[in-house]
Amino acid sequence: MFEFFYSEKSSQFYFNLKAQNGQIILSSEMYQNKQGAENGVASVKRNAEDMSKYERKTASNGKFYFNLKASNGQIIGKSQMYSSEAGMENGINSVKNNAPMAGVIDLS
């Protein structure tokens, strides 16, 4: 499920993708307007099944995370931090399996 939010602090919109267990598996960048965030969700849905769009990373603290990139190379979502590579791969598979058909809840 995608959830839209509005940040009073930054006056911008963003979204999270949640797994069926309610855990956030992908968070977007900030968008100037709601249309931008809606376009971001559409881009996640389009790109989620393409494994070449996932950029696997290791943070300075040794934890693992991934970015999902659009066709133009721009990051459209970042994962949470994982303690293992296997956990990160499970997160990628969760985005791949959940995003394309996920509904949207507007909490903005």
N, C-alpha and C. Protein backbone atom coordinates (compact mmCIF):
# COMPACT_ATOMS: atom_id res chain seq x y z
N MET A 1 0.84 -1.18 0.00
CA MET A 1 0.00 0.00 0.00
C MET A 1 0.89 1.25 0.00
N PHE A 2 0.61 2.17 -0.89
CA PHE A 2 1.29 3.46 -0.89
C PHE A 2 0.50 4.40 0.02
N GLU A 3 1.23 5.21 0.79
CA GLU A 3 0.60 6.23 1.62
C GLU A 3 1.23 7.58 1.29
N PHE A 4 0.37 8.55 0.95
CA PHE A 4 0.81 9.93 0.69
C PHE A 4 0.79 10.73 1.98
N PHE A 5 1.80 11.58 2.14
CA PHE A 5 1.88 12.46 3.30
C PHE A 5 2.25 13.87 2.85
N TYR A 6 1.90 14.83 3.69
CA TYR A 6 2.32 16.22 3.49
C TYR A 6 3.13 16.61 4.72
N SER A 7 4.32 17.13 4.51
CA SER A 7 5.18 17.56 5.60
C SER A 7 4.97 19.05 5.86
N GLU A 8 4.40 19.37 7.00
CA GLU A 8 4.23 20.78 7.38
C GLU A 8 5.58 21.48 7.49
N LYS A 9 6.55 20.74 7.99
CA LYS A 9 7.89 21.30 8.22
C LYS A 9 8.54 21.77 6.91
N SER A 10 8.46 20.94 5.86
CA SER A 10 9.11 21.29 4.61
C SER A 10 8.14 21.79 3.54
N SER A 11 6.83 21.73 3.84
CA SER A 11 5.78 22.11 2.87
C SER A 11 5.90 21.31 1.58
N GLN A 12 6.21 20.02 1.72
CA GLN A 12 6.35 19.15 0.56
C GLN A 12 5.61 17.83 0.79
N PHE A 13 5.42 17.10 -0.29
CA PHE A 13 4.73 15.81 -0.26
C PHE A 13 5.74 14.68 -0.39
N TYR A 14 5.37 13.52 0.15
CA TYR A 14 6.18 12.32 -0.01
C TYR A 14 5.27 11.10 0.16
N PHE A 15 5.81 9.94 -0.14
CA PHE A 15 5.03 8.72 0.04
C PHE A 15 5.90 7.60 0.58
N ASN A 16 5.25 6.63 1.19
CA ASN A 16 5.88 5.39 1.63
C ASN A 16 5.14 4.24 0.98
N LEU A 17 5.87 3.19 0.71
CA LEU A 17 5.29 1.93 0.29
C LEU A 17 5.41 0.98 1.46
N LYS A 18 4.28 0.41 1.86
CA LYS A 18 4.27 -0.53 2.98
C LYS A 18 4.01 -1.95 2.49
N ALA A 19 4.67 -2.90 3.15
CA ALA A 19 4.42 -4.31 2.88
C ALA A 19 3.10 -4.71 3.53
N GLN A 20 2.68 -5.92 3.26
CA GLN A 20 1.41 -6.41 3.81
C GLN A 20 1.42 -6.43 5.34
N ASN A 21 2.61 -6.55 5.94
CA ASN A 21 2.70 -6.55 7.40
C ASN A 21 2.74 -5.14 7.99
N GLY A 22 2.62 -4.12 7.14
CA GLY A 22 2.60 -2.73 7.60
C GLY A 22 3.96 -2.07 7.71
N GLN A 23 5.02 -2.80 7.45
CA GLN A 23 6.36 -2.26 7.54
C GLN A 23 6.68 -1.42 6.30
N ILE A 24 7.30 -0.27 6.50
CA ILE A 24 7.71 0.58 5.37
C ILE A 24 8.88 -0.10 4.65
N ILE A 25 8.72 -0.30 3.35
CA ILE A 25 9.78 -0.94 2.57
C ILE A 25 10.43 0.02 1.57
N LEU A 26 9.79 1.17 1.33
CA LEU A 26 10.36 2.16 0.41
C LEU A 26 9.80 3.53 0.76
N SER A 27 10.68 4.52 0.81
CA SER A 27 10.26 5.91 1.07
C SER A 27 10.74 6.79 -0.07
N SER A 28 9.88 7.72 -0.46
CA SER A 28 10.21 8.59 -1.59
C SER A 28 11.05 9.78 -1.16
N GLU A 29 11.50 10.48 -2.17
CA GLU A 29 12.09 11.80 -1.98
C GLU A 29 10.94 12.77 -1.70
N MET A 30 11.27 14.01 -1.41
CA MET A 30 10.26 15.04 -1.20
C MET A 30 9.89 15.67 -2.55
N TYR A 31 8.60 15.98 -2.69
CA TYR A 31 8.08 16.58 -3.92
C TYR A 31 7.45 17.92 -3.60
N GLN A 32 7.59 18.87 -4.53
CA GLN A 32 7.04 20.21 -4.36
C GLN A 32 5.52 20.21 -4.30
N ASN A 33 4.90 19.26 -5.02
CA ASN A 33 3.44 19.23 -5.06
C ASN A 33 2.94 17.79 -5.09
N LYS A 34 1.66 17.65 -4.88
CA LYS A 34 1.06 16.32 -4.83
C LYS A 34 1.17 15.60 -6.16
N GLN A 35 1.03 16.32 -7.26
CA GLN A 35 1.16 15.71 -8.58
C GLN A 35 2.52 15.05 -8.75
N GLY A 36 3.56 15.69 -8.25
CA GLY A 36 4.89 15.11 -8.32
C GLY A 36 4.97 13.80 -7.56
N ALA A 37 4.36 13.76 -6.38
CA ALA A 37 4.34 12.53 -5.58
C ALA A 37 3.53 11.44 -6.29
N GLU A 38 2.42 11.82 -6.90
CA GLU A 38 1.62 10.85 -7.66
C GLU A 38 2.42 10.29 -8.84
N ASN A 39 3.17 11.15 -9.51
CA ASN A 39 4.03 10.70 -10.60
C ASN A 39 5.11 9.76 -10.08
N GLY A 40 5.61 10.04 -8.87
CA GLY A 40 6.61 9.17 -8.24
C GLY A 40 6.05 7.78 -7.98
N VAL A 41 4.83 7.69 -7.49
CA VAL A 41 4.19 6.39 -7.27
C VAL A 41 4.06 5.65 -8.60
N ALA A 42 3.62 6.34 -9.63
CA ALA A 42 3.49 5.71 -10.95
C ALA A 42 4.84 5.19 -11.44
N SER A 43 5.90 5.93 -11.17
CA SER A 43 7.23 5.52 -11.58
C SER A 43 7.69 4.28 -10.80
N VAL A 44 7.40 4.24 -9.50
CA VAL A 44 7.73 3.05 -8.71
C VAL A 44 7.00 1.83 -9.29
N LYS A 45 5.73 2.00 -9.57
CA LYS A 45 4.95 0.88 -10.12
C LYS A 45 5.53 0.40 -11.45
N ARG A 46 5.96 1.33 -12.30
CA ARG A 46 6.52 0.98 -13.61
C ARG A 46 7.88 0.27 -13.49
N ASN A 47 8.68 0.71 -12.53
CA ASN A 47 10.07 0.25 -12.44
C ASN A 47 10.31 -0.87 -11.44
N ALA A 48 9.35 -1.17 -10.61
CA ALA A 48 9.55 -2.11 -9.49
C ALA A 48 9.95 -3.51 -9.94
N GLU A 49 9.47 -3.95 -11.08
CA GLU A 49 9.75 -5.32 -11.50
C GLU A 49 11.07 -5.47 -12.28
N ASP A 50 11.71 -4.37 -12.58
CA ASP A 50 12.97 -4.38 -13.34
C ASP A 50 14.14 -4.40 -12.36
N MET A 51 14.75 -5.57 -12.19
CA MET A 51 15.82 -5.72 -11.20
C MET A 51 17.03 -4.82 -11.49
N SER A 52 17.19 -4.39 -12.74
CA SER A 52 18.33 -3.51 -13.06
C SER A 52 18.13 -2.11 -12.49
N LYS A 53 16.94 -1.78 -12.02
CA LYS A 53 16.65 -0.44 -11.48
C LYS A 53 16.98 -0.33 -9.99
N TYR A 54 17.40 -1.44 -9.38
CA TYR A 54 17.73 -1.43 -7.95
C TYR A 54 19.23 -1.24 -7.77
N GLU A 55 19.57 -0.24 -7.00
CA GLU A 55 20.96 0.06 -6.68
C GLU A 55 21.20 -0.39 -5.24
N ARG A 56 22.02 -1.42 -5.08
CA ARG A 56 22.32 -1.97 -3.75
C ARG A 56 23.48 -1.21 -3.16
N LYS A 57 23.34 -0.80 -1.89
CA LYS A 57 24.34 0.05 -1.24
C LYS A 57 24.67 -0.48 0.16
N THR A 58 25.83 -0.08 0.65
CA THR A 58 26.23 -0.36 2.02
C THR A 58 26.54 0.99 2.68
N ALA A 59 25.89 1.25 3.80
CA ALA A 59 26.10 2.51 4.53
C ALA A 59 27.43 2.45 5.30
N SER A 60 27.88 3.60 5.77
CA SER A 60 29.14 3.67 6.50
C SER A 60 29.11 2.86 7.80
N ASN A 61 27.90 2.59 8.31
CA ASN A 61 27.78 1.80 9.53
C ASN A 61 27.70 0.30 9.25
N GLY A 62 27.88 -0.10 7.98
CA GLY A 62 27.88 -1.50 7.61
C GLY A 62 26.51 -2.08 7.31
N LYS A 63 25.47 -1.27 7.43
CA LYS A 63 24.12 -1.76 7.13
C LYS A 63 23.87 -1.64 5.63
N PHE A 64 22.89 -2.39 5.16
CA PHE A 64 22.59 -2.48 3.74
C PHE A 64 21.27 -1.78 3.43
N TYR A 65 21.20 -1.17 2.23
CA TYR A 65 19.97 -0.53 1.78
C TYR A 65 19.98 -0.50 0.26
N PHE A 66 18.86 -0.13 -0.31
CA PHE A 66 18.80 -0.02 -1.76
C PHE A 66 18.03 1.21 -2.17
N ASN A 67 18.33 1.67 -3.38
CA ASN A 67 17.59 2.74 -4.03
C ASN A 67 16.90 2.14 -5.25
N LEU A 68 15.70 2.60 -5.52
CA LEU A 68 15.01 2.26 -6.76
C LEU A 68 15.12 3.48 -7.67
N LYS A 69 15.62 3.26 -8.87
CA LYS A 69 15.84 4.36 -9.80
C LYS A 69 14.87 4.29 -10.97
N ALA A 70 14.54 5.44 -11.49
CA ALA A 70 13.71 5.56 -12.68
C ALA A 70 14.59 5.35 -13.92
N SER A 71 13.96 5.31 -15.07
CA SER A 71 14.70 5.12 -16.33
C SER A 71 15.73 6.21 -16.57
N ASN A 72 15.47 7.41 -16.05
CA ASN A 72 16.41 8.52 -16.22
C ASN A 72 17.54 8.51 -15.19
N GLY A 73 17.57 7.49 -14.32
CA GLY A 73 18.62 7.37 -13.32
C GLY A 73 18.33 8.08 -12.00
N GLN A 74 17.23 8.81 -11.93
CA GLN A 74 16.87 9.53 -10.71
C GLN A 74 16.33 8.56 -9.67
N ILE A 75 16.72 8.76 -8.42
CA ILE A 75 16.23 7.93 -7.32
C ILE A 75 14.77 8.29 -7.05
N ILE A 76 13.91 7.27 -7.06
CA ILE A 76 12.49 7.50 -6.78
C ILE A 76 12.08 6.93 -5.43
N GLY A 77 12.95 6.13 -4.84
CA GLY A 77 12.66 5.60 -3.51
C GLY A 77 13.88 4.99 -2.88
N LYS A 78 13.93 5.07 -1.54
CA LYS A 78 15.02 4.48 -0.75
C LYS A 78 14.42 3.53 0.27
N SER A 79 15.17 2.47 0.53
CA SER A 79 14.70 1.49 1.50
C SER A 79 15.11 1.88 2.91
N GLN A 80 14.62 1.09 3.84
CA GLN A 80 15.10 1.18 5.21
C GLN A 80 16.49 0.55 5.26
N MET A 81 17.14 0.58 6.42
CA MET A 81 18.43 -0.07 6.60
C MET A 81 18.20 -1.52 7.03
N TYR A 82 19.03 -2.40 6.50
CA TYR A 82 18.96 -3.83 6.82
C TYR A 82 20.28 -4.27 7.42
N SER A 83 20.23 -5.21 8.35
CA SER A 83 21.44 -5.69 8.99
C SER A 83 22.19 -6.72 8.14
N SER A 84 21.52 -7.27 7.13
CA SER A 84 22.17 -8.27 6.28
C SER A 84 21.83 -8.03 4.81
N GLU A 85 22.67 -8.56 3.95
CA GLU A 85 22.39 -8.48 2.51
C GLU A 85 21.13 -9.27 2.18
N ALA A 86 20.93 -10.40 2.84
CA ALA A 86 19.74 -11.22 2.60
C ALA A 86 18.48 -10.43 2.95
N GLY A 87 18.51 -9.67 4.03
CA GLY A 87 17.37 -8.83 4.41
C GLY A 87 17.09 -7.79 3.35
N MET A 88 18.16 -7.18 2.81
CA MET A 88 18.01 -6.18 1.75
C MET A 88 17.39 -6.83 0.51
N GLU A 89 17.85 -8.01 0.14
CA GLU A 89 17.29 -8.70 -1.03
C GLU A 89 15.82 -9.04 -0.81
N ASN A 90 15.45 -9.40 0.41
CA ASN A 90 14.04 -9.64 0.73
C ASN A 90 13.24 -8.36 0.56
N GLY A 91 13.83 -7.22 0.96
CA GLY A 91 13.17 -5.93 0.79
C GLY A 91 12.95 -5.60 -0.68
N ILE A 92 13.95 -5.86 -1.50
CA ILE A 92 13.82 -5.63 -2.94
C ILE A 92 12.70 -6.50 -3.51
N ASN A 93 12.68 -7.76 -3.13
CA ASN A 93 11.63 -8.66 -3.62
C ASN A 93 10.25 -8.22 -3.15
N SER A 94 10.18 -7.65 -1.96
CA SER A 94 8.91 -7.16 -1.45
C SER A 94 8.41 -5.98 -2.27
N VAL A 95 9.31 -5.05 -2.61
CA VAL A 95 8.92 -3.93 -3.48
C VAL A 95 8.49 -4.46 -4.84
N LYS A 96 9.30 -5.36 -5.39
CA LYS A 96 9.00 -5.94 -6.71
C LYS A 96 7.61 -6.59 -6.73
N ASN A 97 7.27 -7.30 -5.66
CA ASN A 97 6.02 -8.04 -5.61
C ASN A 97 4.82 -7.19 -5.18
N ASN A 98 5.04 -6.18 -4.35
CA ASN A 98 3.93 -5.39 -3.80
C ASN A 98 3.60 -4.13 -4.58
N ALA A 99 4.60 -3.45 -5.12
CA ALA A 99 4.38 -2.13 -5.71
C ALA A 99 3.47 -2.11 -6.93
N PRO A 100 3.65 -3.02 -7.90
CA PRO A 100 2.88 -2.87 -9.14
C PRO A 100 1.36 -2.82 -8.96
N MET A 101 0.82 -3.50 -8.01
CA MET A 101 -0.63 -3.55 -7.83
C MET A 101 -1.10 -2.86 -6.54
N ALA A 102 -0.19 -2.18 -5.86
CA ALA A 102 -0.53 -1.56 -4.58
C ALA A 102 -1.52 -0.41 -4.74
N GLY A 103 -2.45 -0.31 -3.82
CA GLY A 103 -3.36 0.81 -3.78
C GLY A 103 -2.71 2.02 -3.14
N VAL A 104 -3.46 3.11 -3.08
CA VAL A 104 -2.94 4.36 -2.53
C VAL A 104 -3.92 4.90 -1.48
N ILE A 105 -3.36 5.30 -0.35
CA ILE A 105 -4.13 5.98 0.69
C ILE A 105 -3.56 7.39 0.82
N ASP A 106 -4.42 8.39 0.73
CA ASP A 106 -3.98 9.78 0.83
C ASP A 106 -4.14 10.26 2.26
N LEU A 107 -3.03 10.43 2.94
CA LEU A 107 -3.02 10.92 4.33
C LEU A 107 -2.52 12.36 4.40
N SER A 108 -2.46 13.00 3.23
CA SER A 108 -1.94 14.38 3.19
C SER A 108 -3.05 15.34 3.56
